Amino acid sequence: MHAMHSKGLQYADVKAKANSMAIFAEDKTLYSNTGYVRGLLTEYGVGTSTDELKLT
């Protein structure tokens, strides 16, 4: 787990981490499968709900 600094995280660092986890912004499956982003958030110590809400 990584510690977050009070100034936040650098976009380039988070993007690099996401890419190393095979998460790419241009991947359209990110819209329907939250597992990838949830995994990235977990890497940074951010918890998520087990419930998913459909966007309407």
C-alpha atoms as a PDB file:
ATOM      1  CA  MET A   1       0.000   0.000   0.000  1.00  0.00           C
ATOM      2  CA  HIS A   2       1.199   3.506  -0.778  1.00  0.00           C
ATOM      3  CA  ALA A   3       0.884   6.466   1.563  1.00  0.00           C
ATOM      4  CA  MET A   4      -0.974   9.419   0.143  1.00  0.00           C
ATOM      5  CA  HIS A   5       0.602  12.805   0.621  1.00  0.00           C
ATOM      6  CA  SER A   6      -1.403  15.841   1.686  1.00  0.00           C
ATOM      7  CA  LYS A   7      -0.802  17.340  -1.758  1.00  0.00           C
ATOM      8  CA  GLY A   8      -2.258  14.279  -3.449  1.00  0.00           C
ATOM      9  CA  LEU A   9      -0.843  12.008  -6.098  1.00  0.00           C
ATOM     10  CA  GLN A  10       0.690  12.941  -9.408  1.00  0.00           C
ATOM     11  CA  TYR A  11      -1.421  11.989 -12.433  1.00  0.00           C
ATOM     12  CA  ALA A  12       1.587  10.516 -14.249  1.00  0.00           C
ATOM     13  CA  ASP A  13       2.411   8.268 -11.291  1.00  0.00           C
ATOM     14  CA  VAL A  14      -1.139   6.947 -10.975  1.00  0.00           C
ATOM     15  CA  LYS A  15      -1.418   6.485 -14.738  1.00  0.00           C
ATOM     16  CA  ALA A  16       1.850   4.502 -14.748  1.00  0.00           C
ATOM     17  CA  LYS A  17       0.589   2.327 -11.893  1.00  0.00           C
ATOM     18  CA  ALA A  18      -2.722   1.751 -13.687  1.00  0.00           C
ATOM     19  CA  ASN A  19      -0.934   0.858 -16.911  1.00  0.00           C
ATOM     20  CA  SER A  20       1.267  -1.623 -15.032  1.00  0.00           C
ATOM     21  CA  MET A  21      -1.976  -3.263 -13.872  1.00  0.00           C
ATOM     22  CA  ALA A  22      -3.231  -3.417 -17.505  1.00  0.00           C
ATOM     23  CA  ILE A  23      -5.666  -0.534 -16.926  1.00  0.00           C
ATOM     24  CA  PHE A  24      -5.774   1.890 -19.847  1.00  0.00           C
ATOM     25  CA  ALA A  25      -8.019   4.952 -20.152  1.00  0.00           C
ATOM     26  CA  GLU A  26      -8.975   4.106 -23.734  1.00  0.00           C
ATOM     27  CA  ASP A  27     -10.337   0.687 -22.667  1.00  0.00           C
ATOM     28  CA  LYS A  28     -14.117   0.934 -23.102  1.00  0.00           C
ATOM     29  CA  THR A  29     -14.718  -2.032 -20.763  1.00  0.00           C
ATOM     30  CA  LEU A  30     -13.889   0.272 -17.844  1.00  0.00           C
ATOM     31  CA  TYR A  31     -17.380   1.715 -18.243  1.00  0.00           C
ATOM     32  CA  SER A  32     -19.060  -1.593 -17.464  1.00  0.00           C
ATOM     33  CA  ASN A  33     -16.548  -3.410 -15.252  1.00  0.00           C
ATOM     34  CA  THR A  34     -15.553  -1.560 -12.094  1.00  0.00           C
ATOM     35  CA  GLY A  35     -13.188  -4.288 -10.901  1.00  0.00           C
ATOM     36  CA  TYR A  36     -10.166  -2.739 -12.569  1.00  0.00           C
ATOM     37  CA  VAL A  37     -10.605   0.671 -11.002  1.00  0.00           C
ATOM     38  CA  ARG A  38     -11.512  -0.856  -7.653  1.00  0.00           C
ATOM     39  CA  GLY A  39      -8.225  -2.753  -7.754  1.00  0.00           C
ATOM     40  CA  LEU A  40      -6.311   0.438  -8.503  1.00  0.00           C
ATOM     41  CA  LEU A  41      -8.032   2.249  -5.651  1.00  0.00           C
ATOM     42  CA  THR A  42      -7.143  -0.609  -3.315  1.00  0.00           C
ATOM     43  CA  GLU A  43      -3.476  -0.210  -4.301  1.00  0.00           C
ATOM     44  CA  TYR A  44      -3.662   3.333  -2.932  1.00  0.00           C
ATOM     45  CA  GLY A  45      -5.490   2.356   0.234  1.00  0.00           C
ATOM     46  CA  VAL A  46      -8.869   3.671  -0.886  1.00  0.00           C
ATOM     47  CA  GLY A  47     -11.767   1.468   0.144  1.00  0.00           C
ATOM     48  CA  THR A  48     -14.840   0.994  -1.992  1.00  0.00           C
ATOM     49  CA  SER A  49     -18.303  -0.294  -1.284  1.00  0.00           C
ATOM     50  CA  THR A  50     -19.158  -3.836  -2.250  1.00  0.00           C
ATOM     51  CA  ASP A  51     -22.379  -2.455  -3.723  1.00  0.00           C
ATOM     52  CA  GLU A  52     -22.438  -1.129  -7.252  1.00  0.00           C
ATOM     53  CA  LEU A  53     -24.938   1.447  -8.440  1.00  0.00           C
ATOM     54  CA  LYS A  54     -26.040   1.516 -12.055  1.00  0.00           C
ATOM     55  CA  LEU A  55     -25.663   4.862 -13.775  1.00  0.00           C
ATOM     56  CA  THR A  56     -28.942   6.013 -15.234  1.00  0.00           C
END
